[in-house]
Amino acid sequence: MDIKSPALLKLKGALFAFLGLLSGGLLLAPVFSWQALGLLLICIWACCRTYYFCFYVLHHYVDPSFRYAGLIDLAKRLWEPGKPPHE
């Protein structure tokens, strides 16, 4: 089921942001330190950059015909023996 309503899409984005802030806060609350905060922020940044690379860079800069449905589909296509990832 695809969400087509702009209001529901905005709500979904807001819920993702809320969950991210809540889980990060709960993770840091019992053992807060500046080092733990810094490492958590680096972890989040690196994961976001990896996601951007997988879903934007590969398609726009490496091979525009290379399409896949998600990270599991990407991994299957990259590890398939004897078949280039863009076929």
Foldseek 3Di string as FASTA:
>chain_A
DDDDDPVVVVVVVVVVVVVVVVVVCVVCVVPPDVVSVVVVVVVVVVVVVVVCCVPPCCCPPVHVQQDADDDVRQVCLVPPPPHHRND
